[in-house]
Amino acid sequence: MDEVLLTFHCVTREADTVANTLRTLSGQPVQVRAETVHGRDFEDADVTEQVMGTLARAAIDVVVPRTQAEELIAAVASGRRAHPVRWQMTAVLARGRIA
């Protein structure tokens, strides 16, 4: 099965909403972590979203089958949010557990 790591970046106050959507639809563990962006955030942001100093936000990760990725992205896109969410998809070549 082809798996992907989906990572969503959002404002911290909306992290629980995004994480709950992903957990409910995927049935997979969802990891949420705080992160800080230093310097200018992405150039495609509108003027009010551009950051010149630091930006606190959350990163939410979930590993899912590739076939489920678009469904999850669409669910986050259509969810109740007040702020933009960025996402990226990365192929998972291997994974496991070391005890």
N, C-alpha and C. Protein backbone atom coordinates (compact mmCIF):
# COMPACT_ATOMS: atom_id res chain seq x y z
N MET A 1 0.85 -1.18 0.00
CA MET A 1 0.00 0.00 0.00
C MET A 1 0.89 1.24 0.00
N ASP A 2 0.62 2.18 -0.88
CA ASP A 2 1.34 3.45 -0.90
C ASP A 2 0.82 4.34 0.22
N GLU A 3 1.73 4.82 1.06
CA GLU A 3 1.34 5.70 2.16
C GLU A 3 1.98 7.06 1.96
N VAL A 4 1.31 8.08 2.50
CA VAL A 4 1.83 9.43 2.46
C VAL A 4 1.73 10.04 3.85
N LEU A 5 2.63 10.97 4.11
CA LEU A 5 2.57 11.79 5.32
C LEU A 5 1.95 13.11 4.91
N LEU A 6 0.79 13.42 5.47
CA LEU A 6 0.16 14.72 5.26
C LEU A 6 0.52 15.61 6.42
N THR A 7 1.00 16.80 6.14
CA THR A 7 1.30 17.78 7.17
C THR A 7 0.50 19.03 6.88
N PHE A 8 -0.26 19.47 7.86
CA PHE A 8 -1.05 20.70 7.77
C PHE A 8 -0.46 21.71 8.73
N HIS A 9 -0.31 22.96 8.29
CA HIS A 9 0.20 24.05 9.12
C HIS A 9 -0.94 25.05 9.30
N CYS A 10 -1.25 25.37 10.56
CA CYS A 10 -2.35 26.30 10.82
C CYS A 10 -2.06 27.12 12.07
N VAL A 11 -2.92 28.11 12.32
CA VAL A 11 -2.78 28.88 13.56
C VAL A 11 -3.05 27.94 14.73
N THR A 12 -2.40 28.20 15.84
CA THR A 12 -2.47 27.27 16.97
C THR A 12 -3.88 27.08 17.50
N ARG A 13 -4.70 28.11 17.48
CA ARG A 13 -6.05 27.98 18.04
C ARG A 13 -6.98 27.13 17.18
N GLU A 14 -6.59 26.82 15.96
CA GLU A 14 -7.41 25.96 15.11
C GLU A 14 -6.83 24.55 14.96
N ALA A 15 -5.73 24.26 15.66
CA ALA A 15 -5.07 22.96 15.54
C ALA A 15 -5.97 21.81 15.99
N ASP A 16 -6.69 21.99 17.09
CA ASP A 16 -7.55 20.91 17.57
C ASP A 16 -8.66 20.58 16.56
N THR A 17 -9.21 21.60 15.93
CA THR A 17 -10.26 21.38 14.94
C THR A 17 -9.73 20.58 13.76
N VAL A 18 -8.58 20.97 13.25
CA VAL A 18 -7.98 20.26 12.12
C VAL A 18 -7.61 18.84 12.53
N ALA A 19 -6.98 18.68 13.69
CA ALA A 19 -6.57 17.36 14.16
C ALA A 19 -7.76 16.43 14.36
N ASN A 20 -8.84 16.94 14.93
CA ASN A 20 -10.03 16.11 15.14
C ASN A 20 -10.65 15.67 13.82
N THR A 21 -10.66 16.55 12.83
CA THR A 21 -11.16 16.19 11.51
C THR A 21 -10.33 15.05 10.92
N LEU A 22 -9.01 15.17 10.98
CA LEU A 22 -8.12 14.16 10.44
C LEU A 22 -8.26 12.83 11.17
N ARG A 23 -8.32 12.88 12.49
CA ARG A 23 -8.44 11.65 13.28
C ARG A 23 -9.76 10.94 13.01
N THR A 24 -10.85 11.71 12.96
CA THR A 24 -12.17 11.12 12.73
C THR A 24 -12.26 10.45 11.37
N LEU A 25 -11.78 11.12 10.33
CA LEU A 25 -11.91 10.59 8.97
C LEU A 25 -10.88 9.51 8.64
N SER A 26 -9.68 9.62 9.19
CA SER A 26 -8.62 8.67 8.83
C SER A 26 -8.59 7.45 9.73
N GLY A 27 -8.98 7.63 10.99
CA GLY A 27 -8.85 6.54 11.96
C GLY A 27 -7.41 6.28 12.37
N GLN A 28 -6.52 7.19 12.01
CA GLN A 28 -5.09 7.03 12.29
C GLN A 28 -4.66 7.98 13.41
N PRO A 29 -3.54 7.67 14.08
CA PRO A 29 -3.00 8.61 15.07
C PRO A 29 -2.61 9.92 14.38
N VAL A 30 -2.84 11.00 15.06
CA VAL A 30 -2.53 12.33 14.54
C VAL A 30 -1.59 13.01 15.53
N GLN A 31 -0.48 13.52 15.03
CA GLN A 31 0.48 14.21 15.89
C GLN A 31 0.37 15.72 15.66
N VAL A 32 0.34 16.46 16.76
CA VAL A 32 0.27 17.92 16.70
C VAL A 32 1.48 18.46 17.44
N ARG A 33 2.16 19.41 16.82
CA ARG A 33 3.31 20.02 17.49
C ARG A 33 3.32 21.52 17.22
N ALA A 34 3.83 22.25 18.18
CA ALA A 34 3.98 23.69 18.02
C ALA A 34 5.23 23.94 17.19
N GLU A 35 5.18 24.96 16.36
CA GLU A 35 6.36 25.34 15.59
C GLU A 35 6.40 26.85 15.45
N THR A 36 7.58 27.34 15.20
CA THR A 36 7.79 28.77 15.02
C THR A 36 8.42 29.00 13.65
N VAL A 37 7.86 29.92 12.90
CA VAL A 37 8.42 30.31 11.61
C VAL A 37 9.19 31.61 11.84
N HIS A 38 10.46 31.60 11.49
CA HIS A 38 11.29 32.79 11.61
C HIS A 38 11.45 33.42 10.24
N GLY A 39 11.32 34.71 10.19
CA GLY A 39 11.47 35.41 8.91
C GLY A 39 10.16 35.47 8.16
N ARG A 40 10.25 35.71 6.90
CA ARG A 40 9.07 35.92 6.08
C ARG A 40 8.38 34.59 5.76
N ASP A 41 7.09 34.53 6.01
CA ASP A 41 6.31 33.36 5.66
C ASP A 41 6.10 33.37 4.15
N PHE A 42 5.49 32.38 3.63
CA PHE A 42 5.37 32.13 2.20
C PHE A 42 4.95 33.35 1.40
N GLU A 43 5.54 33.48 0.22
CA GLU A 43 5.29 34.63 -0.65
C GLU A 43 3.88 34.69 -1.19
N ASP A 44 3.16 33.56 -1.23
CA ASP A 44 1.81 33.59 -1.77
C ASP A 44 0.77 34.09 -0.76
N ALA A 45 1.21 34.39 0.47
CA ALA A 45 0.30 34.93 1.48
C ALA A 45 -0.09 36.35 1.10
N ASP A 46 -1.34 36.73 1.45
CA ASP A 46 -1.69 38.13 1.17
C ASP A 46 -0.97 39.04 2.16
N VAL A 47 -1.05 40.33 1.96
CA VAL A 47 -0.25 41.28 2.73
C VAL A 47 -0.49 41.15 4.23
N THR A 48 -1.74 40.92 4.65
CA THR A 48 -2.03 40.82 6.08
C THR A 48 -1.51 39.53 6.69
N GLU A 49 -1.19 38.53 5.86
CA GLU A 49 -0.68 37.26 6.37
C GLU A 49 0.83 37.18 6.36
N GLN A 50 1.49 38.06 5.65
CA GLN A 50 2.94 37.98 5.55
C GLN A 50 3.59 38.33 6.88
N VAL A 51 4.58 37.56 7.26
CA VAL A 51 5.23 37.70 8.55
C VAL A 51 6.68 38.11 8.34
N MET A 52 7.07 39.16 8.99
CA MET A 52 8.46 39.61 8.87
C MET A 52 9.30 39.19 10.08
N GLY A 53 8.68 38.87 11.20
CA GLY A 53 9.42 38.47 12.40
C GLY A 53 9.28 36.99 12.65
N THR A 54 8.49 36.62 13.66
CA THR A 54 8.25 35.22 13.96
C THR A 54 6.75 34.96 14.00
N LEU A 55 6.38 33.73 13.69
CA LEU A 55 4.99 33.32 13.64
C LEU A 55 4.86 32.01 14.39
N ALA A 56 3.98 31.97 15.39
CA ALA A 56 3.70 30.73 16.10
C ALA A 56 2.55 30.04 15.39
N ARG A 57 2.73 28.76 15.11
CA ARG A 57 1.67 28.00 14.47
C ARG A 57 1.80 26.54 14.87
N ALA A 58 0.88 25.72 14.40
CA ALA A 58 0.89 24.29 14.71
C ALA A 58 1.10 23.50 13.43
N ALA A 59 1.78 22.37 13.57
CA ALA A 59 1.93 21.42 12.47
C ALA A 59 1.22 20.14 12.88
N ILE A 60 0.40 19.61 12.00
CA ILE A 60 -0.39 18.42 12.29
C ILE A 60 -0.03 17.37 11.26
N ASP A 61 0.44 16.20 11.72
CA ASP A 61 0.87 15.12 10.85
C ASP A 61 -0.04 13.90 10.97
N VAL A 62 -0.29 13.26 9.84
CA VAL A 62 -1.00 11.98 9.82
C VAL A 62 -0.49 11.18 8.63
N VAL A 63 -0.26 9.89 8.84
CA VAL A 63 0.14 8.99 7.76
C VAL A 63 -1.09 8.20 7.33
N VAL A 64 -1.38 8.27 6.03
CA VAL A 64 -2.58 7.62 5.49
C VAL A 64 -2.27 6.98 4.14
N PRO A 65 -3.15 6.10 3.67
CA PRO A 65 -2.99 5.60 2.31
C PRO A 65 -3.10 6.76 1.32
N ARG A 66 -2.34 6.69 0.26
CA ARG A 66 -2.37 7.76 -0.77
C ARG A 66 -3.77 8.00 -1.29
N THR A 67 -4.56 6.95 -1.39
CA THR A 67 -5.92 7.07 -1.92
C THR A 67 -6.84 7.89 -1.03
N GLN A 68 -6.48 8.08 0.21
CA GLN A 68 -7.32 8.83 1.16
C GLN A 68 -6.89 10.30 1.28
N ALA A 69 -5.76 10.66 0.74
CA ALA A 69 -5.19 11.99 0.95
C ALA A 69 -6.10 13.11 0.47
N GLU A 70 -6.62 13.02 -0.73
CA GLU A 70 -7.45 14.11 -1.27
C GLU A 70 -8.72 14.31 -0.44
N GLU A 71 -9.28 13.21 0.06
CA GLU A 71 -10.47 13.31 0.91
C GLU A 71 -10.17 14.10 2.17
N LEU A 72 -9.03 13.85 2.78
CA LEU A 72 -8.66 14.56 4.00
C LEU A 72 -8.36 16.03 3.74
N ILE A 73 -7.67 16.30 2.65
CA ILE A 73 -7.38 17.70 2.29
C ILE A 73 -8.68 18.45 2.04
N ALA A 74 -9.61 17.83 1.33
CA ALA A 74 -10.91 18.47 1.07
C ALA A 74 -11.69 18.70 2.35
N ALA A 75 -11.62 17.76 3.28
CA ALA A 75 -12.34 17.91 4.55
C ALA A 75 -11.79 19.08 5.36
N VAL A 76 -10.48 19.22 5.39
CA VAL A 76 -9.88 20.37 6.10
C VAL A 76 -10.25 21.67 5.39
N ALA A 77 -10.22 21.64 4.06
CA ALA A 77 -10.55 22.84 3.29
C ALA A 77 -11.99 23.29 3.52
N SER A 78 -12.90 22.34 3.69
CA SER A 78 -14.31 22.70 3.84
C SER A 78 -14.73 22.87 5.30
N GLY A 79 -13.81 22.61 6.23
CA GLY A 79 -14.13 22.74 7.66
C GLY A 79 -14.25 24.19 8.09
N ARG A 80 -14.77 24.35 9.31
CA ARG A 80 -14.93 25.69 9.87
C ARG A 80 -13.59 26.20 10.36
N ARG A 81 -13.09 27.20 9.67
CA ARG A 81 -11.82 27.83 10.02
C ARG A 81 -11.92 29.31 9.74
N ALA A 82 -11.15 30.09 10.48
CA ALA A 82 -11.10 31.52 10.23
C ALA A 82 -9.81 31.92 9.51
N HIS A 83 -8.85 31.00 9.45
CA HIS A 83 -7.53 31.32 8.90
C HIS A 83 -7.11 30.28 7.87
N PRO A 84 -6.18 30.66 6.99
CA PRO A 84 -5.68 29.71 5.99
C PRO A 84 -4.94 28.54 6.63
N VAL A 85 -4.93 27.44 5.92
CA VAL A 85 -4.17 26.25 6.32
C VAL A 85 -3.29 25.87 5.14
N ARG A 86 -2.03 25.63 5.42
CA ARG A 86 -1.12 25.14 4.38
C ARG A 86 -0.98 23.64 4.57
N TRP A 87 -0.70 22.94 3.49
CA TRP A 87 -0.51 21.50 3.61
C TRP A 87 0.58 21.04 2.64
N GLN A 88 1.14 19.89 2.96
CA GLN A 88 2.08 19.25 2.06
C GLN A 88 1.95 17.74 2.21
N MET A 89 2.26 17.03 1.13
CA MET A 89 2.16 15.59 1.11
C MET A 89 3.54 15.03 0.75
N THR A 90 3.99 14.06 1.56
CA THR A 90 5.29 13.45 1.35
C THR A 90 5.13 11.94 1.30
N ALA A 91 5.74 11.30 0.32
CA ALA A 91 5.68 9.84 0.23
C ALA A 91 6.40 9.21 1.42
N VAL A 92 5.81 8.16 1.97
CA VAL A 92 6.45 7.40 3.04
C VAL A 92 7.09 6.18 2.40
N LEU A 93 8.40 6.14 2.39
CA LEU A 93 9.12 5.03 1.76
C LEU A 93 9.19 3.81 2.68
N ALA A 94 9.28 4.07 3.96
CA ALA A 94 9.33 2.99 4.94
C ALA A 94 9.01 3.58 6.30
N ARG A 95 8.51 2.71 7.17
CA ARG A 95 8.31 3.12 8.56
C ARG A 95 8.21 1.88 9.42
N GLY A 96 8.37 2.05 10.71
CA GLY A 96 8.32 0.92 11.61
C GLY A 96 8.36 1.37 13.05
N ARG A 97 8.55 0.42 13.93
CA ARG A 97 8.60 0.70 15.37
C ARG A 97 9.82 -0.02 15.93
N ILE A 98 10.60 0.70 16.70
CA ILE A 98 11.78 0.11 17.34
C ILE A 98 11.49 0.06 18.82
N ALA A 99 11.47 -1.14 19.38
CA ALA A 99 11.15 -1.30 20.81
C ALA A 99 12.42 -1.42 21.63
